Amino acid sequence: MRRVPLSVLLSFNGGYVDTAGFLALQGLFPAHVTGNFVTLGATVVMGGSGALPKLLALPVFCVVVLLTRIVGLLLGAGKPVLKCLLATKVVLLFAAAIFALLYGPLGTPTVSRTWSWA
């Protein structure tokens, strides 16, 4: 059996997290910062709510990357850092899935304006 490269697994994981998060968080891309800026622009132009979470997505992303780097450096003393971080990621994904199953949707989606060509 052939092993799947780590880059393929991480790409699949990013797509999964983005799709599940976009559906559960009413249009917020958790793993794709550029998509949040696009939807932020659409929210500002067309009106609607949800601009603040999209605006805060980049600073929160940067803080999480910084904290992950610090944890990786702290674990780096003779331990397999990548395996520990990936195991933590899997545990957090399972915890999020269980939370979503137990508590259901996190609110009602906001109604946005629709374009009328008539």
PDB file of N, CA and C in Angstrom:
ATOM      1  N   MET A   1       0.832  -1.183   0.000  1.00  0.00           N
ATOM      2  CA  MET A   1       0.000   0.000   0.000  1.00  0.00           C
ATOM      3  C   MET A   1       0.878   1.250   0.000  1.00  0.00           C
ATOM      4  N   ARG A   2       0.512   2.195  -0.845  1.00  0.00           N
ATOM      5  CA  ARG A   2       1.286   3.426  -0.967  1.00  0.00           C
ATOM      6  C   ARG A   2       0.866   4.441   0.085  1.00  0.00           C
ATOM      7  N   ARG A   3       1.828   5.129   0.679  1.00  0.00           N
ATOM      8  CA  ARG A   3       1.536   6.156   1.682  1.00  0.00           C
ATOM      9  C   ARG A   3       1.136   7.451   0.991  1.00  0.00           C
ATOM     10  N   VAL A   4       0.160   8.128   1.552  1.00  0.00           N
ATOM     11  CA  VAL A   4      -0.287   9.412   1.022  1.00  0.00           C
ATOM     12  C   VAL A   4       0.656  10.495   1.534  1.00  0.00           C
ATOM     13  N   PRO A   5       1.144  11.368   0.641  1.00  0.00           N
ATOM     14  CA  PRO A   5       2.057  12.436   1.092  1.00  0.00           C
ATOM     15  C   PRO A   5       1.376  13.385   2.082  1.00  0.00           C
ATOM     16  N   LEU A   6       2.162  13.935   2.982  1.00  0.00           N
ATOM     17  CA  LEU A   6       1.653  14.855   3.994  1.00  0.00           C
ATOM     18  C   LEU A   6       0.997  16.075   3.360  1.00  0.00           C
ATOM     19  N   SER A   7       1.543  16.557   2.250  1.00  0.00           N
ATOM     20  CA  SER A   7       0.968  17.732   1.589  1.00  0.00           C
ATOM     21  C   SER A   7      -0.454  17.460   1.104  1.00  0.00           C
ATOM     22  N   VAL A   8      -0.725  16.253   0.642  1.00  0.00           N
ATOM     23  CA  VAL A   8      -2.078  15.892   0.198  1.00  0.00           C
ATOM     24  C   VAL A   8      -3.029  15.848   1.393  1.00  0.00           C
ATOM     25  N   LEU A   9      -2.581  15.259   2.497  1.00  0.00           N
ATOM     26  CA  LEU A   9      -3.422  15.185   3.693  1.00  0.00           C
ATOM     27  C   LEU A   9      -3.735  16.572   4.245  1.00  0.00           C
ATOM     28  N   LEU A  10      -2.735  17.451   4.298  1.00  0.00           N
ATOM     29  CA  LEU A  10      -2.960  18.802   4.808  1.00  0.00           C
ATOM     30  C   LEU A  10      -3.835  19.614   3.870  1.00  0.00           C
ATOM     31  N   SER A  11      -3.717  19.410   2.562  1.00  0.00           N
ATOM     32  CA  SER A  11      -4.582  20.107   1.606  1.00  0.00           C
ATOM     33  C   SER A  11      -6.026  19.657   1.762  1.00  0.00           C
ATOM     34  N   PHE A  12      -6.223  18.351   1.912  1.00  0.00           N
ATOM     35  CA  PHE A  12      -7.573  17.830   2.142  1.00  0.00           C
ATOM     36  C   PHE A  12      -8.141  18.396   3.438  1.00  0.00           C
ATOM     37  N   ASN A  13      -7.319  18.442   4.483  1.00  0.00           N
ATOM     38  CA  ASN A  13      -7.758  18.957   5.766  1.00  0.00           C
ATOM     39  C   ASN A  13      -8.159  20.435   5.655  1.00  0.00           C
ATOM     40  N   GLY A  14      -7.372  21.229   4.946  1.00  0.00           N
ATOM     41  CA  GLY A  14      -7.709  22.643   4.770  1.00  0.00           C
ATOM     42  C   GLY A  14      -9.028  22.823   4.044  1.00  0.00           C
ATOM     43  N   GLY A  15      -9.259  22.036   3.008  1.00  0.00           N
ATOM     44  CA  GLY A  15     -10.522  22.106   2.280  1.00  0.00           C
ATOM     45  C   GLY A  15     -11.692  21.671   3.131  1.00  0.00           C
ATOM     46  N   TYR A  16     -11.498  20.617   3.915  1.00  0.00           N
ATOM     47  CA  TYR A  16     -12.560  20.135   4.793  1.00  0.00           C
ATOM     48  C   TYR A  16     -12.922  21.185   5.835  1.00  0.00           C
ATOM     49  N   VAL A  17     -11.905  21.735   6.490  1.00  0.00           N
ATOM     50  CA  VAL A  17     -12.152  22.736   7.534  1.00  0.00           C
ATOM     51  C   VAL A  17     -12.825  23.967   6.942  1.00  0.00           C
ATOM     52  N   ASP A  18     -12.385  24.393   5.762  1.00  0.00           N
ATOM     53  CA  ASP A  18     -12.994  25.556   5.124  1.00  0.00           C
ATOM     54  C   ASP A  18     -14.452  25.305   4.765  1.00  0.00           C
ATOM     55  N   THR A  19     -14.750  24.155   4.193  1.00  0.00           N
ATOM     56  CA  THR A  19     -16.127  23.852   3.796  1.00  0.00           C
ATOM     57  C   THR A  19     -17.038  23.713   5.004  1.00  0.00           C
ATOM     58  N   ALA A  20     -16.615  22.943   5.989  1.00  0.00           N
ATOM     59  CA  ALA A  20     -17.432  22.752   7.183  1.00  0.00           C
ATOM     60  C   ALA A  20     -17.603  24.062   7.944  1.00  0.00           C
ATOM     61  N   GLY A  21     -16.534  24.825   8.050  1.00  0.00           N
ATOM     62  CA  GLY A  21     -16.609  26.106   8.745  1.00  0.00           C
ATOM     63  C   GLY A  21     -17.474  27.116   8.020  1.00  0.00           C
ATOM     64  N   PHE A  22     -17.379  27.157   6.699  1.00  0.00           N
ATOM     65  CA  PHE A  22     -18.194  28.095   5.912  1.00  0.00           C
ATOM     66  C   PHE A  22     -19.675  27.808   6.117  1.00  0.00           C
ATOM     67  N   LEU A  23     -20.031  26.533   6.153  1.00  0.00           N
ATOM     68  CA  LEU A  23     -21.432  26.168   6.356  1.00  0.00           C
ATOM     69  C   LEU A  23     -21.883  26.396   7.797  1.00  0.00           C
ATOM     70  N   ALA A  24     -21.036  26.079   8.758  1.00  0.00           N
ATOM     71  CA  ALA A  24     -21.422  26.187  10.163  1.00  0.00           C
ATOM     72  C   ALA A  24     -21.345  27.613  10.699  1.00  0.00           C
ATOM     73  N   LEU A  25     -20.456  28.422  10.150  1.00  0.00           N
ATOM     74  CA  LEU A  25     -20.236  29.774  10.678  1.00  0.00           C
ATOM     75  C   LEU A  25     -20.856  30.858   9.811  1.00  0.00           C
ATOM     76  N   GLN A  26     -21.855  30.515   9.048  1.00  0.00           N
ATOM     77  CA  GLN A  26     -22.617  31.443   8.216  1.00  0.00           C
ATOM     78  C   GLN A  26     -21.738  32.307   7.302  1.00  0.00           C
ATOM     79  N   GLY A  27     -20.848  31.663   6.560  1.00  0.00           N
ATOM     80  CA  GLY A  27     -20.084  32.363   5.540  1.00  0.00           C
ATOM     81  C   GLY A  27     -18.693  32.791   5.939  1.00  0.00           C
ATOM     82  N   LEU A  28     -18.182  32.334   7.064  1.00  0.00           N
ATOM     83  CA  LEU A  28     -16.814  32.667   7.468  1.00  0.00           C
ATOM     84  C   LEU A  28     -15.900  31.519   7.061  1.00  0.00           C
ATOM     85  N   PHE A  29     -14.812  31.852   6.352  1.00  0.00           N
ATOM     86  CA  PHE A  29     -13.838  30.843   5.946  1.00  0.00           C
ATOM     87  C   PHE A  29     -12.778  30.703   7.041  1.00  0.00           C
ATOM     88  N   PRO A  30     -12.772  29.609   7.818  1.00  0.00           N
ATOM     89  CA  PRO A  30     -11.782  29.487   8.878  1.00  0.00           C
ATOM     90  C   PRO A  30     -10.362  29.217   8.390  1.00  0.00           C
ATOM     91  N   ALA A  31     -10.194  28.613   7.232  1.00  0.00           N
ATOM     92  CA  ALA A  31      -8.851  28.254   6.778  1.00  0.00           C
ATOM     93  C   ALA A  31      -8.439  29.020   5.520  1.00  0.00           C
ATOM     94  N   HIS A  32      -9.197  30.022   5.144  1.00  0.00           N
ATOM     95  CA  HIS A  32      -8.899  30.725   3.896  1.00  0.00           C
ATOM     96  C   HIS A  32      -9.116  32.221   4.104  1.00  0.00           C
ATOM     97  N   VAL A  33      -8.061  32.910   4.462  1.00  0.00           N
ATOM     98  CA  VAL A  33      -8.153  34.318   4.823  1.00  0.00           C
ATOM     99  C   VAL A  33      -8.569  35.175   3.631  1.00  0.00           C
ATOM    100  N   THR A  34      -8.102  34.861   2.432  1.00  0.00           N
ATOM    101  CA  THR A  34      -8.453  35.645   1.255  1.00  0.00           C
ATOM    102  C   THR A  34      -9.955  35.608   0.984  1.00  0.00           C
ATOM    103  N   GLY A  35     -10.569  34.466   1.170  1.00  0.00           N
ATOM    104  CA  GLY A  35     -12.010  34.356   0.976  1.00  0.00           C
ATOM    105  C   GLY A  35     -12.780  35.256   1.931  1.00  0.00           C
ATOM    106  N   ASN A  36     -12.251  35.435   3.141  1.00  0.00           N
ATOM    107  CA  ASN A  36     -12.913  36.323   4.091  1.00  0.00           C
ATOM    108  C   ASN A  36     -12.858  37.774   3.622  1.00  0.00           C
ATOM    109  N   PHE A  37     -11.765  38.172   3.002  1.00  0.00           N
ATOM    110  CA  PHE A  37     -11.687  39.548   2.503  1.00  0.00           C
ATOM    111  C   PHE A  37     -12.618  39.756   1.317  1.00  0.00           C
ATOM    112  N   VAL A  38     -12.780  38.747   0.502  1.00  0.00           N
ATOM    113  CA  VAL A  38     -13.720  38.848  -0.622  1.00  0.00           C
ATOM    114  C   VAL A  38     -15.144  38.974  -0.104  1.00  0.00           C
ATOM    115  N   THR A  39     -15.517  38.110   0.845  1.00  0.00           N
ATOM    116  CA  THR A  39     -16.872  38.192   1.388  1.00  0.00           C
ATOM    117  C   THR A  39     -17.060  39.447   2.243  1.00  0.00           C
ATOM    118  N   LEU A  40     -15.995  39.955   2.855  1.00  0.00           N
ATOM    119  CA  LEU A  40     -16.077  41.222   3.578  1.00  0.00           C
ATOM    120  C   LEU A  40     -16.396  42.362   2.613  1.00  0.00           C
ATOM    121  N   GLY A  41     -15.719  42.371   1.460  1.00  0.00           N
ATOM    122  CA  GLY A  41     -16.008  43.390   0.454  1.00  0.00           C
ATOM    123  C   GLY A  41     -17.445  43.309  -0.036  1.00  0.00           C
ATOM    124  N   ALA A  42     -17.923  42.098  -0.240  1.00  0.00           N
ATOM    125  CA  ALA A  42     -19.317  41.930  -0.680  1.00  0.00           C
ATOM    126  C   ALA A  42     -20.288  42.387   0.400  1.00  0.00           C
ATOM    127  N   THR A  43     -19.965  42.113   1.657  1.00  0.00           N
ATOM    128  CA  THR A  43     -20.828  42.536   2.761  1.00  0.00           C
ATOM    129  C   THR A  43     -20.870  44.057   2.863  1.00  0.00           C
ATOM    130  N   VAL A  44     -19.715  44.702   2.692  1.00  0.00           N
ATOM    131  CA  VAL A  44     -19.663  46.162   2.778  1.00  0.00           C
ATOM    132  C   VAL A  44     -20.423  46.795   1.614  1.00  0.00           C
ATOM    133  N   VAL A  45     -20.244  46.286   0.411  1.00  0.00           N
ATOM    134  CA  VAL A  45     -20.881  46.870  -0.768  1.00  0.00           C
ATOM    135  C   VAL A  45     -22.384  46.622  -0.775  1.00  0.00           C
ATOM    136  N   MET A  46     -22.788  45.377  -0.484  1.00  0.00           N
ATOM    137  CA  MET A  46     -24.203  45.021  -0.583  1.00  0.00           C
ATOM    138  C   MET A  46     -24.965  45.259   0.709  1.00  0.00           C
ATOM    139  N   GLY A  47     -24.271  45.543   1.774  1.00  0.00           N
ATOM    140  CA  GLY A  47     -24.926  45.702   3.063  1.00  0.00           C
ATOM    141  C   GLY A  47     -25.159  44.349   3.699  1.00  0.00           C
ATOM    142  N   GLY A  48     -25.345  44.349   4.965  1.00  0.00           N
ATOM    143  CA  GLY A  48     -25.581  43.102   5.675  1.00  0.00           C
ATOM    144  C   GLY A  48     -24.745  43.042   6.931  1.00  0.00           C
ATOM    145  N   SER A  49     -24.882  41.948   7.645  1.00  0.00           N
ATOM    146  CA  SER A  49     -24.148  41.798   8.895  1.00  0.00           C
ATOM    147  C   SER A  49     -23.035  40.777   8.715  1.00  0.00           C
ATOM    148  N   GLY A  50     -22.224  40.658   9.729  1.00  0.00           N
ATOM    149  CA  GLY A  50     -21.152  39.676   9.704  1.00  0.00           C
ATOM    150  C   GLY A  50     -19.813  40.226   9.240  1.00  0.00           C
ATOM    151  N   ALA A  51     -19.664  41.548   9.205  1.00  0.00           N
ATOM    152  CA  ALA A  51     -18.401  42.129   8.744  1.00  0.00           C
ATOM    153  C   ALA A  51     -17.297  41.986   9.789  1.00  0.00           C
ATOM    154  N   LEU A  52     -17.637  42.102  11.061  1.00  0.00           N
ATOM    155  CA  LEU A  52     -16.613  42.052  12.109  1.00  0.00           C
ATOM    156  C   LEU A  52     -15.874  40.712  12.166  1.00  0.00           C
ATOM    157  N   PRO A  53     -16.561  39.564  12.154  1.00  0.00           N
ATOM    158  CA  PRO A  53     -15.808  38.304  12.164  1.00  0.00           C
ATOM    159  C   PRO A  53     -14.899  38.155  10.944  1.00  0.00           C
ATOM    160  N   LYS A  54     -15.343  38.623   9.793  1.00  0.00           N
ATOM    161  CA  LYS A  54     -14.517  38.523   8.586  1.00  0.00           C
ATOM    162  C   LYS A  54     -13.307  39.446   8.676  1.00  0.00           C
ATOM    163  N   LEU A  55     -13.490  40.592   9.330  1.00  0.00           N
ATOM    164  CA  LEU A  55     -12.382  41.529   9.500  1.00  0.00           C
ATOM    165  C   LEU A  55     -11.371  41.013  10.517  1.00  0.00           C
ATOM    166  N   LEU A  56     -11.848  40.320  11.541  1.00  0.00           N
ATOM    167  CA  LEU A  56     -10.961  39.793  12.580  1.00  0.00           C
ATOM    168  C   LEU A  56     -10.301  38.470  12.199  1.00  0.00           C
ATOM    169  N   ALA A  57     -10.666  37.903  11.067  1.00  0.00           N
ATOM    170  CA  ALA A  57     -10.122  36.599  10.677  1.00  0.00           C
ATOM    171  C   ALA A  57      -8.607  36.635  10.511  1.00  0.00           C
ATOM    172  N   LEU A  58      -8.064  37.681   9.899  1.00  0.00           N
ATOM    173  CA  LEU A  58      -6.608  37.742   9.680  1.00  0.00           C
ATOM    174  C   LEU A  58      -5.831  37.889  10.987  1.00  0.00           C
ATOM    175  N   PRO A  59      -6.195  38.825  11.894  1.00  0.00           N
ATOM    176  CA  PRO A  59      -5.438  38.883  13.155  1.00  0.00           C
ATOM    177  C   PRO A  59      -5.528  37.602  13.976  1.00  0.00           C
ATOM    178  N   VAL A  60      -6.701  36.975  14.006  1.00  0.00           N
ATOM    179  CA  VAL A  60      -6.838  35.722  14.758  1.00  0.00           C
ATOM    180  C   VAL A  60      -5.979  34.632  14.125  1.00  0.00           C
ATOM    181  N   PHE A  61      -5.967  34.567  12.794  1.00  0.00           N
ATOM    182  CA  PHE A  61      -5.127  33.605  12.082  1.00  0.00           C
ATOM    183  C   PHE A  61      -3.652  33.816  12.443  1.00  0.00           C
ATOM    184  N   CYS A  62      -3.209  35.066  12.443  1.00  0.00           N
ATOM    185  CA  CYS A  62      -1.797  35.365  12.759  1.00  0.00           C
ATOM    186  C   CYS A  62      -1.457  34.976  14.191  1.00  0.00           C
ATOM    187  N   VAL A  63      -2.362  35.231  15.134  1.00  0.00           N
ATOM    188  CA  VAL A  63      -2.116  34.862  16.532  1.00  0.00           C
ATOM    189  C   VAL A  63      -2.021  33.346  16.678  1.00  0.00           C
ATOM    190  N   VAL A  64      -2.893  32.614  15.997  1.00  0.00           N
ATOM    191  CA  VAL A  64      -2.859  31.153  16.084  1.00  0.00           C
ATOM    192  C   VAL A  64      -1.571  30.601  15.477  1.00  0.00           C
ATOM    193  N   VAL A  65      -1.125  31.167  14.359  1.00  0.00           N
ATOM    194  CA  VAL A  65       0.146  30.730  13.766  1.00  0.00           C
ATOM    195  C   VAL A  65       1.300  31.001  14.723  1.00  0.00           C
ATOM    196  N   LEU A  66       1.310  32.166  15.360  1.00  0.00           N
ATOM    197  CA  LEU A  66       2.361  32.505  16.316  1.00  0.00           C
ATOM    198  C   LEU A  66       2.351  31.543  17.506  1.00  0.00           C
ATOM    199  N   LEU A  67       1.168  31.284  18.060  1.00  0.00           N
ATOM    200  CA  LEU A  67       1.079  30.362  19.200  1.00  0.00           C
ATOM    201  C   LEU A  67       1.495  28.938  18.821  1.00  0.00           C
ATOM    202  N   THR A  68       1.135  28.513  17.619  1.00  0.00           N
ATOM    203  CA  THR A  68       1.543  27.185  17.160  1.00  0.00           C
ATOM    204  C   THR A  68       3.055  27.106  17.014  1.00  0.00           C
ATOM    205  N   ARG A  69       3.655  28.160  16.518  1.00  0.00           N
ATOM    206  CA  ARG A  69       5.111  28.193  16.379  1.00  0.00           C
ATOM    207  C   ARG A  69       5.791  28.132  17.748  1.00  0.00           C
ATOM    208  N   ILE A  70       5.255  28.861  18.711  1.00  0.00           N
ATOM    209  CA  ILE A  70       5.832  28.851  20.060  1.00  0.00           C
ATOM    210  C   ILE A  70       5.706  27.463  20.681  1.00  0.00           C
ATOM    211  N   VAL A  71       4.536  26.834  20.544  1.00  0.00           N
ATOM    212  CA  VAL A  71       4.357  25.476  21.072  1.00  0.00           C
ATOM    213  C   VAL A  71       5.306  24.510  20.367  1.00  0.00           C
ATOM    214  N   GLY A  72       5.485  24.670  19.061  1.00  0.00           N
ATOM    215  CA  GLY A  72       6.414  23.815  18.324  1.00  0.00           C
ATOM    216  C   GLY A  72       7.840  23.968  18.805  1.00  0.00           C
ATOM    217  N   LEU A  73       8.240  25.202  19.119  1.00  0.00           N
ATOM    218  CA  LEU A  73       9.590  25.418  19.639  1.00  0.00           C
ATOM    219  C   LEU A  73       9.750  24.838  21.041  1.00  0.00           C
ATOM    220  N   LEU A  74       8.710  24.950  21.850  1.00  0.00           N
ATOM    221  CA  LEU A  74       8.784  24.391  23.200  1.00  0.00           C
ATOM    222  C   LEU A  74       8.838  22.867  23.177  1.00  0.00           C
ATOM    223  N   LEU A  75       8.174  22.256  22.205  1.00  0.00           N
ATOM    224  CA  LEU A  75       8.191  20.793  22.090  1.00  0.00           C
ATOM    225  C   LEU A  75       9.439  20.275  21.384  1.00  0.00           C
ATOM    226  N   GLY A  76      10.203  21.162  20.779  1.00  0.00           N
ATOM    227  CA  GLY A  76      11.305  20.760  19.919  1.00  0.00           C
ATOM    228  C   GLY A  76      12.476  20.092  20.585  1.00  0.00           C
ATOM    229  N   ALA A  77      12.524  20.031  21.891  1.00  0.00           N
ATOM    230  CA  ALA A  77      13.681  19.458  22.582  1.00  0.00           C
ATOM    231  C   ALA A  77      13.640  17.933  22.517  1.00  0.00           C
ATOM    232  N   GLY A  78      14.038  17.363  21.374  1.00  0.00           N
ATOM    233  CA  GLY A  78      14.167  15.924  21.252  1.00  0.00           C
ATOM    234  C   GLY A  78      12.873  15.164  21.016  1.00  0.00           C
ATOM    235  N   LYS A  79      11.783  15.848  20.725  1.00  0.00           N
ATOM    236  CA  LYS A  79      10.508  15.175  20.497  1.00  0.00           C
ATOM    237  C   LYS A  79      10.089  15.364  19.038  1.00  0.00           C
ATOM    238  N   PRO A  80       9.269  14.449  18.529  1.00  0.00           N
ATOM    239  CA  PRO A  80       8.767  14.618  17.157  1.00  0.00           C
ATOM    240  C   PRO A  80       7.689  15.713  17.110  1.00  0.00           C
ATOM    241  N   VAL A  81       8.091  16.927  16.793  1.00  0.00           N
ATOM    242  CA  VAL A  81       7.211  18.088  16.855  1.00  0.00           C
ATOM    243  C   VAL A  81       6.030  17.945  15.904  1.00  0.00           C
ATOM    244  N   LEU A  82       6.290  17.539  14.676  1.00  0.00           N
ATOM    245  CA  LEU A  82       5.221  17.463  13.686  1.00  0.00           C
ATOM    246  C   LEU A  82       4.146  16.465  14.113  1.00  0.00           C
ATOM    247  N   LYS A  83       4.551  15.327  14.627  1.00  0.00           N
ATOM    248  CA  LYS A  83       3.580  14.329  15.064  1.00  0.00           C
ATOM    249  C   LYS A  83       2.738  14.848  16.232  1.00  0.00           C
ATOM    250  N   CYS A  84       3.356  15.550  17.162  1.00  0.00           N
ATOM    251  CA  CYS A  84       2.611  16.102  18.304  1.00  0.00           C
ATOM    252  C   CYS A  84       1.605  17.153  17.844  1.00  0.00           C
ATOM    253  N   LEU A  85       2.023  18.046  16.941  1.00  0.00           N
ATOM    254  CA  LEU A  85       1.122  19.093  16.464  1.00  0.00           C
ATOM    255  C   LEU A  85      -0.012  18.515  15.625  1.00  0.00           C
ATOM    256  N   LEU A  86       0.294  17.522  14.788  1.00  0.00           N
ATOM    257  CA  LEU A  86      -0.764  16.900  13.991  1.00  0.00           C
ATOM    258  C   LEU A  86      -1.737  16.117  14.869  1.00  0.00           C
ATOM    259  N   ALA A  87      -1.233  15.463  15.904  1.00  0.00           N
ATOM    260  CA  ALA A  87      -2.119  14.752  16.826  1.00  0.00           C
ATOM    261  C   ALA A  87      -3.029  15.734  17.564  1.00  0.00           C
ATOM    262  N   THR A  88      -2.484  16.865  17.960  1.00  0.00           N
ATOM    263  CA  THR A  88      -3.293  17.900  18.602  1.00  0.00           C
ATOM    264  C   THR A  88      -4.368  18.414  17.651  1.00  0.00           C
ATOM    265  N   LYS A  89      -4.001  18.583  16.396  1.00  0.00           N
ATOM    266  CA  LYS A  89      -4.961  19.048  15.389  1.00  0.00           C
ATOM    267  C   LYS A  89      -6.108  18.053  15.213  1.00  0.00           C
ATOM    268  N   VAL A  90      -5.783  16.771  15.174  1.00  0.00           N
ATOM    269  CA  VAL A  90      -6.811  15.740  15.023  1.00  0.00           C
ATOM    270  C   VAL A  90      -7.740  15.735  16.237  1.00  0.00           C
ATOM    271  N   VAL A  91      -7.176  15.856  17.427  1.00  0.00           N
ATOM    272  CA  VAL A  91      -7.988  15.882  18.642  1.00  0.00           C
ATOM    273  C   VAL A  91      -8.923  17.092  18.628  1.00  0.00           C
ATOM    274  N   LEU A  92      -8.421  18.253  18.219  1.00  0.00           N
ATOM    275  CA  LEU A  92      -9.262  19.455  18.164  1.00  0.00           C
ATOM    276  C   LEU A  92     -10.353  19.339  17.102  1.00  0.00           C
ATOM    277  N   LEU A  93     -10.048  18.709  15.971  1.00  0.00           N
ATOM    278  CA  LEU A  93     -11.069  18.512  14.943  1.00  0.00           C
ATOM    279  C   LEU A  93     -12.170  17.577  15.434  1.00  0.00           C
ATOM    280  N   PHE A  94     -11.800  16.503  16.138  1.00  0.00           N
ATOM    281  CA  PHE A  94     -12.805  15.602  16.699  1.00  0.00           C
ATOM    282  C   PHE A  94     -13.636  16.317  17.768  1.00  0.00           C
ATOM    283  N   ALA A  95     -12.987  17.140  18.593  1.00  0.00           N
ATOM    284  CA  ALA A  95     -13.727  17.887  19.618  1.00  0.00           C
ATOM    285  C   ALA A  95     -14.716  18.852  18.966  1.00  0.00           C
ATOM    286  N   ALA A  96     -14.306  19.507  17.888  1.00  0.00           N
ATOM    287  CA  ALA A  96     -15.208  20.419  17.178  1.00  0.00           C
ATOM    288  C   ALA A  96     -16.367  19.658  16.554  1.00  0.00           C
ATOM    289  N   ALA A  97     -16.104  18.473  16.017  1.00  0.00           N
ATOM    290  CA  ALA A  97     -17.179  17.666  15.423  1.00  0.00           C
ATOM    291  C   ALA A  97     -18.178  17.222  16.494  1.00  0.00           C
ATOM    292  N   ILE A  98     -17.682  16.800  17.638  1.00  0.00           N
ATOM    293  CA  ILE A  98     -18.575  16.388  18.724  1.00  0.00           C
ATOM    294  C   ILE A  98     -19.391  17.584  19.221  1.00  0.00           C
ATOM    295  N   PHE A  99     -18.752  18.728  19.369  1.00  0.00           N
ATOM    296  CA  PHE A  99     -19.454  19.946  19.779  1.00  0.00           C
ATOM    297  C   PHE A  99     -20.549  20.301  18.784  1.00  0.00           C
ATOM    298  N   ALA A 100     -20.250  20.208  17.494  1.00  0.00           N
ATOM    299  CA  ALA A 100     -21.239  20.523  16.461  1.00  0.00           C
ATOM    300  C   ALA A 100     -22.404  19.542  16.484  1.00  0.00           C
ATOM    301  N   LEU A 101     -22.112  18.258  16.730  1.00  0.00           N
ATOM    302  CA  LEU A 101     -23.188  17.271  16.793  1.00  0.00           C
ATOM    303  C   LEU A 101     -24.072  17.456  18.026  1.00  0.00           C
ATOM    304  N   LEU A 102     -23.461  17.835  19.132  1.00  0.00           N
ATOM    305  CA  LEU A 102     -24.225  18.000  20.366  1.00  0.00           C
ATOM    306  C   LEU A 102     -25.058  19.276  20.375  1.00  0.00           C
ATOM    307  N   TYR A 103     -24.495  20.362  19.869  1.00  0.00           N
ATOM    308  CA  TYR A 103     -25.155  21.659  19.988  1.00  0.00           C
ATOM    309  C   TYR A 103     -25.769  22.166  18.690  1.00  0.00           C
ATOM    310  N   GLY A 104     -25.610  21.451  17.614  1.00  0.00           N
ATOM    311  CA  GLY A 104     -26.260  21.809  16.352  1.00  0.00           C
ATOM    312  C   GLY A 104     -25.744  23.107  15.758  1.00  0.00           C
ATOM    313  N   PRO A 105     -26.517  23.708  14.879  1.00  0.00           N
ATOM    314  CA  PRO A 105     -26.093  24.963  14.252  1.00  0.00           C
ATOM    315  C   PRO A 105     -25.889  26.066  15.286  1.00  0.00           C
ATOM    316  N   LEU A 106     -24.954  26.954  15.010  1.00  0.00           N
ATOM    317  CA  LEU A 106     -24.599  28.012  15.960  1.00  0.00           C
ATOM    318  C   LEU A 106     -25.426  29.278  15.769  1.00  0.00           C
ATOM    319  N   GLY A 107     -26.596  29.195  15.242  1.00  0.00           N
ATOM    320  CA  GLY A 107     -27.442  30.367  15.049  1.00  0.00           C
ATOM    321  C   GLY A 107     -28.122  30.300  13.707  1.00  0.00           C
ATOM    322  N   THR A 108     -28.922  31.286  13.453  1.00  0.00           N
ATOM    323  CA  THR A 108     -29.609  31.328  12.170  1.00  0.00           C
ATOM    324  C   THR A 108     -28.824  32.189  11.209  1.00  0.00           C
ATOM    325  N   PRO A 109     -28.739  31.780   9.955  1.00  0.00           N
ATOM    326  CA  PRO A 109     -28.006  32.589   8.984  1.00  0.00           C
ATOM    327  C   PRO A 109     -28.720  33.917   8.747  1.00  0.00           C
ATOM    328  N   THR A 110     -27.927  34.927   8.462  1.00  0.00           N
ATOM    329  CA  THR A 110     -28.503  36.234   8.179  1.00  0.00           C
ATOM    330  C   THR A 110     -29.029  36.268   6.759  1.00  0.00           C
ATOM    331  N   VAL A 111     -30.085  36.995   6.561  1.00  0.00           N
ATOM    332  CA  VAL A 111     -30.673  37.118   5.237  1.00  0.00           C
ATOM    333  C   VAL A 111     -29.960  38.252   4.519  1.00  0.00           C
ATOM    334  N   SER A 112     -29.437  37.963   3.361  1.00  0.00           N
ATOM    335  CA  SER A 112     -28.754  38.995   2.583  1.00  0.00           C
ATOM    336  C   SER A 112     -29.637  39.479   1.452  1.00  0.00           C
ATOM    337  N   ARG A 113     -29.301  40.626   0.948  1.00  0.00           N
ATOM    338  CA  ARG A 113     -30.056  41.183  -0.179  1.00  0.00           C
ATOM    339  C   ARG A 113     -29.775  40.374  -1.428  1.00  0.00           C
ATOM    340  N   THR A 114     -30.752  40.271  -2.280  1.00  0.00           N
ATOM    341  CA  THR A 114     -30.555  39.597  -3.549  1.00  0.00           C
ATOM    342  C   THR A 114     -30.690  40.626  -4.665  1.00  0.00           C
ATOM    343  N   TRP A 115     -29.949  40.408  -5.721  1.00  0.00           N
ATOM    344  CA  TRP A 115     -29.990  41.318  -6.853  1.00  0.00           C
ATOM    345  C   TRP A 115     -31.229  41.067  -7.687  1.00  0.00           C
ATOM    346  N   SER A 116     -31.827  42.113  -8.150  1.00  0.00           N
ATOM    347  CA  SER A 116     -32.985  41.999  -9.027  1.00  0.00           C
ATOM    348  C   SER A 116     -32.655  42.717 -10.323  1.00  0.00           C
ATOM    349  N   TRP A 117     -32.720  42.014 -11.430  1.00  0.00           N
ATOM    350  CA  TRP A 117     -32.394  42.592 -12.725  1.00  0.00           C
ATOM    351  C   TRP A 117     -33.606  43.214 -13.391  1.00  0.00           C
ATOM    352  N   ALA A 118     -34.767  43.137 -12.749  1.00  0.00           N
ATOM    353  CA  ALA A 118     -35.979  43.689 -13.358  1.00  0.00           C
ATOM    354  C   ALA A 118     -36.107  45.168 -13.102  1.00  0.00           C
TER     355      ALA A 118
END
